[in-house]
Amino acid sequence: MKHEQTIPEQRKEGESAPEPATSATSATSATSAASAPRRRRAGRTTLLIAGAAVLGVLAGTVTGYAVQYHREPTPLPPLAQQKIDGPKPAAMNDATSRRSINATRWHKADEDLAKKLLDVPGGVQDSFSGPVSTDAFSADYFLEPSQAVGSLIRDAKRLATARWAENDRNFIEINLLQFRDRAGADDFYTEIVQYMPDKDHAGNTGKDLPGAPADFGHMWIDSKAHQEPGYHPIRQGRAVVRRGDIVMSIEYTNNRGDVDEKALVELAKRQMERL
């Protein structure tokens, strides 16, 4: 009896350890038990490697900026005509002129075009000769300056004007406009030829200007004088010539209603010779 009782107790102690499973079950259990920890270890390794790579890139970038920060800046190549000598602005007095008190509105290169203007005759009144700014020219030249100044700024290279008055009757103004290319000069000349026949301008098609090719020079004299109550009758003659990238415009205005065509032609010929 004791033996029979002892055997069950031994079996119970042996049952504390599981009996060996079949080979397939053991392999599956071993595989599933071992594979999960390996996946967890592989994920942590990947994250560590990725983190190290990011830190490496950041460290390299910071180092690059630090090295560049302590280096002297590389100088840029010099630009052509960085400093153009010219007169300094002067306060207005009896010895100054429009050119001197507005010196900051021109640069020295503008003087080349102004030198091509006809010389102002001696003994005349209200005379001026020299380069002009685009906005000042537009305000005096166009009926709608705000609509024209933009295209003129884009296309024109430099402007120059000469004007004077003779005997309080004849008023002469010569404008030279140099454009950035011949196409700009041709467009400006063609536009004048198109609008001058309107009644608000000359009111006629005009005629060829002597001494200039037919497609590069034209002249008009107003069909009738423009008169308002209380004012003298105004009549104007105009000659326009394109030569290369320069357009020459001469306005000869008389405040008695009579324009000397020969004087206009003579002025145009002399100015063409200067070009």
Protein backbone atom coordinates (compact mmCIF):
# COMPACT_ATOMS: atom_id res chain seq x y z
CA MET A 1 0.00 0.00 0.00
CA LYS A 2 2.79 2.31 0.80
CA HIS A 3 4.31 1.49 -2.50
CA GLU A 4 1.10 2.17 -4.31
CA GLN A 5 0.81 5.50 -2.50
CA THR A 6 4.44 6.38 -3.20
CA ILE A 7 4.19 5.88 -6.92
CA PRO A 8 1.45 8.47 -7.42
CA GLU A 9 3.48 10.97 -5.40
CA GLN A 10 6.48 10.40 -7.61
CA ARG A 11 4.34 10.81 -10.67
CA LYS A 12 2.99 14.11 -9.33
CA GLU A 13 6.53 15.33 -8.79
CA GLY A 14 7.40 14.31 -12.35
CA GLU A 15 4.33 16.01 -13.73
CA SER A 16 5.74 19.40 -12.68
CA ALA A 17 7.87 19.31 -15.88
CA PRO A 18 5.90 19.05 -19.15
CA GLU A 19 6.20 15.92 -21.10
CA PRO A 20 8.28 16.15 -24.30
CA ALA A 21 6.15 17.24 -27.24
CA THR A 22 6.29 15.88 -30.70
CA SER A 23 9.08 17.07 -32.95
CA ALA A 24 6.79 19.27 -35.12
CA THR A 25 5.12 20.91 -32.14
CA SER A 26 8.46 21.49 -30.46
CA ALA A 27 9.93 23.08 -33.58
CA THR A 28 6.92 25.37 -34.06
CA SER A 29 6.91 26.43 -30.43
CA ALA A 30 10.63 27.06 -30.46
CA THR A 31 10.40 29.06 -33.68
CA SER A 32 7.50 31.23 -32.50
CA ALA A 33 9.10 31.72 -29.09
CA ALA A 34 12.44 32.74 -30.53
CA SER A 35 11.28 34.81 -33.51
CA ALA A 36 9.42 37.51 -31.54
CA PRO A 37 12.39 38.63 -29.45
CA ARG A 38 14.58 38.74 -32.52
CA ARG A 39 12.15 41.11 -34.31
CA ARG A 40 12.12 43.43 -31.33
CA ARG A 41 15.91 43.51 -31.21
CA ALA A 42 16.09 44.18 -34.99
CA GLY A 43 13.66 47.21 -34.70
CA ARG A 44 15.70 48.89 -32.00
CA THR A 45 18.87 48.46 -34.04
CA THR A 46 17.29 50.09 -37.11
CA LEU A 47 16.11 53.07 -35.08
CA LEU A 48 19.54 53.48 -33.55
CA ILE A 49 21.20 53.42 -36.98
CA ALA A 50 18.67 55.92 -38.43
CA GLY A 51 19.11 58.22 -35.44
CA ALA A 52 22.86 58.07 -35.79
CA ALA A 53 22.60 58.93 -39.50
CA VAL A 54 20.38 61.98 -38.79
CA LEU A 55 22.71 63.17 -36.06
CA GLY A 56 25.63 62.74 -38.44
CA VAL A 57 23.97 64.87 -41.13
CA LEU A 58 23.04 67.57 -38.62
CA ALA A 59 26.53 67.57 -37.15
CA GLY A 60 28.04 67.89 -40.65
CA THR A 61 25.69 70.76 -41.56
CA VAL A 62 26.43 72.66 -38.36
CA THR A 63 30.14 72.14 -38.85
CA GLY A 64 29.90 73.43 -42.42
CA TYR A 65 28.08 76.58 -41.32
CA ALA A 66 30.57 77.10 -38.52
CA VAL A 67 33.52 76.82 -40.90
CA GLN A 68 31.88 79.12 -43.47
CA TYR A 69 30.97 81.68 -40.81
CA HIS A 70 34.62 82.28 -39.93
CA ARG A 71 35.74 82.62 -43.56
CA GLU A 72 36.10 85.97 -45.30
CA PRO A 73 33.33 86.66 -47.89
CA THR A 74 34.32 86.11 -51.51
CA PRO A 75 34.35 89.51 -53.27
CA LEU A 76 32.14 89.91 -56.35
CA PRO A 77 33.70 90.96 -59.67
CA PRO A 78 33.64 94.74 -60.19
CA LEU A 79 30.89 96.24 -62.34
CA ALA A 80 31.68 98.49 -65.27
CA GLN A 81 31.47 102.22 -64.52
CA GLN A 82 30.76 101.78 -60.83
CA LYS A 83 31.48 105.43 -60.15
CA ILE A 84 30.92 108.03 -62.85
CA ASP A 85 32.38 111.41 -62.09
CA GLY A 86 29.87 114.22 -62.19
CA PRO A 87 29.16 117.55 -60.55
CA LYS A 88 27.70 117.54 -57.05
CA PRO A 89 24.31 119.18 -56.46
CA ALA A 90 24.61 122.88 -55.78
CA ALA A 91 22.31 125.30 -54.03
CA MET A 92 20.45 127.67 -56.33
CA ASN A 93 21.93 131.12 -56.78
CA ASP A 94 22.66 133.59 -59.55
CA ALA A 95 25.46 131.39 -60.93
CA THR A 96 23.61 128.09 -61.10
CA SER A 97 21.47 126.61 -63.86
CA ARG A 98 18.93 123.84 -64.21
CA ARG A 99 21.78 121.48 -65.02
CA SER A 100 23.77 122.25 -61.88
CA ILE A 101 20.93 122.25 -59.33
CA ASN A 102 19.59 118.97 -60.73
CA ALA A 103 22.92 117.23 -61.18
CA THR A 104 21.78 114.11 -59.36
CA ARG A 105 19.16 113.40 -62.02
CA TRP A 106 21.74 112.78 -64.74
CA HIS A 107 24.93 110.84 -65.09
CA LYS A 108 27.97 111.76 -67.11
CA ALA A 109 27.09 109.43 -70.00
CA ASP A 110 24.06 111.61 -70.78
CA GLU A 111 26.29 114.46 -71.85
CA ASP A 112 27.27 112.62 -75.04
CA LEU A 113 23.75 113.02 -76.45
CA ALA A 114 23.38 116.60 -75.21
CA LYS A 115 26.53 117.54 -77.13
CA LYS A 116 24.74 116.64 -80.36
CA LEU A 117 22.15 119.38 -79.84
CA LEU A 118 22.31 122.55 -81.90
CA ASP A 119 23.92 125.44 -80.08
CA VAL A 120 21.44 127.89 -78.61
CA PRO A 121 21.72 131.21 -80.52
CA GLY A 122 22.99 134.22 -78.63
CA GLY A 123 20.63 136.93 -77.47
CA VAL A 124 17.58 134.66 -77.11
CA GLN A 125 15.26 134.35 -74.15
CA ASP A 126 14.27 131.49 -71.84
CA SER A 127 16.98 129.24 -73.20
CA PHE A 128 17.97 125.79 -71.97
CA SER A 129 20.18 123.06 -73.38
CA GLY A 130 21.16 119.76 -71.83
CA PRO A 131 20.03 116.30 -70.76
CA VAL A 132 16.58 115.87 -69.22
CA SER A 133 15.04 113.18 -67.06
CA THR A 134 12.35 110.87 -68.39
CA ASP A 135 9.61 112.13 -66.09
CA ALA A 136 10.34 115.80 -66.80
CA PHE A 137 10.35 115.17 -70.56
CA SER A 138 7.09 113.22 -70.39
CA ALA A 139 5.36 115.98 -68.42
CA ASP A 140 6.23 118.56 -71.11
CA TYR A 141 5.89 116.40 -74.21
CA PHE A 142 2.85 114.12 -73.85
CA LEU A 143 -0.81 115.05 -73.42
CA GLU A 144 -1.19 112.08 -71.05
CA PRO A 145 2.24 111.74 -69.35
CA SER A 146 1.14 108.97 -66.99
CA GLN A 147 0.26 106.72 -69.92
CA ALA A 148 3.52 107.25 -71.78
CA VAL A 149 6.22 107.56 -69.14
CA GLY A 150 6.28 103.80 -68.43
CA SER A 151 7.09 102.77 -72.00
CA LEU A 152 9.58 105.62 -72.33
CA ILE A 153 11.44 104.49 -69.20
CA ARG A 154 11.57 100.97 -70.62
CA ASP A 155 12.64 101.85 -74.17
CA ALA A 156 14.58 105.14 -74.01
CA LYS A 157 18.24 105.27 -73.09
CA ARG A 158 18.81 109.03 -72.72
CA LEU A 159 17.08 112.30 -73.59
CA ALA A 160 18.30 115.81 -74.36
CA THR A 161 16.49 119.08 -75.05
CA ALA A 162 17.33 122.55 -76.33
CA ARG A 163 14.76 125.36 -76.29
CA TRP A 164 14.71 129.10 -76.72
CA ALA A 165 12.38 131.99 -77.64
CA GLU A 166 12.89 134.56 -80.41
CA ASN A 167 11.27 138.02 -80.17
CA ASP A 168 8.41 136.71 -78.01
CA ARG A 169 6.85 135.23 -81.13
CA ASN A 170 8.79 132.18 -82.21
CA PHE A 171 9.44 129.35 -79.76
CA ILE A 172 11.82 126.57 -80.76
CA GLU A 173 12.25 123.24 -79.02
CA ILE A 174 14.56 120.45 -80.17
CA ASN A 175 14.29 117.02 -78.56
CA LEU A 176 16.73 114.14 -79.06
CA LEU A 177 15.64 110.71 -77.85
CA GLN A 178 18.14 107.87 -77.92
CA PHE A 179 16.57 104.42 -77.53
CA ARG A 180 18.06 101.12 -76.46
CA ASP A 181 17.78 99.77 -80.01
CA ARG A 182 16.59 100.81 -83.44
CA ALA A 183 13.25 99.07 -82.99
CA GLY A 184 12.36 101.42 -80.13
CA ALA A 185 13.30 104.46 -82.20
CA ASP A 186 11.31 103.19 -85.18
CA ASP A 187 8.20 102.58 -83.03
CA PHE A 188 8.38 106.10 -81.58
CA TYR A 189 8.84 107.69 -85.02
CA THR A 190 6.03 105.63 -86.58
CA GLU A 191 3.60 106.56 -83.82
CA ILE A 192 4.22 110.28 -84.42
CA VAL A 193 3.62 109.86 -88.16
CA GLN A 194 0.32 108.11 -87.42
CA TYR A 195 -1.22 110.65 -85.03
CA MET A 196 -0.02 113.93 -86.57
CA PRO A 197 -2.75 113.98 -89.29
CA ASP A 198 -5.46 114.08 -86.57
CA LYS A 199 -7.36 117.34 -86.22
CA ASP A 200 -6.08 117.73 -82.67
CA HIS A 201 -2.55 117.89 -84.05
CA ALA A 202 -1.48 119.07 -87.54
CA GLY A 203 -4.71 118.12 -89.29
CA ASN A 204 -2.89 117.06 -92.47
CA THR A 205 -0.56 114.33 -93.72
CA GLY A 206 2.40 116.71 -94.03
CA LYS A 207 5.23 116.14 -96.49
CA ASP A 208 8.71 114.72 -96.81
CA LEU A 209 11.46 116.62 -95.08
CA PRO A 210 14.15 117.84 -97.50
CA GLY A 211 17.46 116.12 -96.88
CA ALA A 212 15.97 113.07 -95.13
CA PRO A 213 14.92 109.71 -96.66
CA ALA A 214 11.17 109.43 -97.21
CA ASP A 215 10.69 106.74 -94.57
CA PHE A 216 12.94 108.39 -92.01
CA GLY A 217 11.91 112.06 -92.04
CA HIS A 218 8.67 114.03 -92.25
CA MET A 219 7.34 117.51 -91.49
CA TRP A 220 3.95 119.11 -90.79
CA ILE A 221 2.56 122.62 -90.40
CA ASP A 222 -0.80 122.99 -88.69
CA SER A 223 -3.67 123.39 -91.12
CA LYS A 224 -5.13 126.16 -88.99
CA ALA A 225 -4.11 128.18 -85.97
CA HIS A 226 -5.39 127.20 -82.54
CA GLN A 227 -6.93 130.17 -80.78
CA GLU A 228 -8.74 130.71 -77.52
CA PRO A 229 -10.49 133.90 -76.37
CA GLY A 230 -7.99 136.34 -74.91
CA TYR A 231 -4.94 134.58 -76.39
CA HIS A 232 -2.86 134.96 -79.54
CA PRO A 233 -3.43 132.39 -82.32
CA ILE A 234 -0.94 129.52 -82.02
CA ARG A 235 0.34 127.60 -85.03
CA GLN A 236 3.05 125.00 -84.97
CA GLY A 237 5.40 123.40 -87.45
CA ARG A 238 7.05 120.10 -86.66
CA ALA A 239 9.87 118.05 -88.18
CA VAL A 240 10.69 114.51 -87.09
CA VAL A 241 13.65 112.41 -88.22
CA ARG A 242 14.89 108.98 -87.21
CA ARG A 243 18.56 108.20 -87.61
CA GLY A 244 19.72 104.89 -86.19
CA ASP A 245 18.55 104.60 -82.59
CA ILE A 246 17.97 108.38 -82.24
CA VAL A 247 14.75 110.27 -82.97
CA MET A 248 14.97 114.03 -83.56
CA SER A 249 11.86 116.13 -83.02
CA ILE A 250 11.79 119.88 -83.73
CA GLU A 251 8.78 122.04 -82.82
CA TYR A 252 8.61 125.55 -84.22
CA THR A 253 5.72 127.48 -82.65
CA ASN A 254 4.51 130.97 -83.57
CA ASN A 255 2.02 132.88 -81.44
CA ARG A 256 0.80 135.08 -84.33
CA GLY A 257 -0.54 132.22 -86.43
CA ASP A 258 2.31 132.20 -88.97
CA VAL A 259 5.07 129.55 -89.20
CA ASP A 260 8.21 130.14 -91.26
CA GLU A 261 8.56 126.83 -93.11
CA LYS A 262 12.01 127.71 -94.42
CA ALA A 263 13.28 128.41 -90.90
CA LEU A 264 11.91 125.03 -89.75
CA VAL A 265 13.61 123.19 -92.61
CA GLU A 266 16.90 124.99 -91.96
CA LEU A 267 16.83 124.04 -88.29
CA ALA A 268 16.11 120.42 -89.18
CA LYS A 269 19.01 120.27 -91.67
CA ARG A 270 21.48 121.75 -89.20
CA GLN A 271 20.38 119.36 -86.45
CA MET A 272 20.64 116.36 -88.79
CA GLU A 273 24.21 117.35 -89.57
CA ARG A 274 25.02 117.25 -85.85
CA LEU A 275 23.74 113.67 -85.68
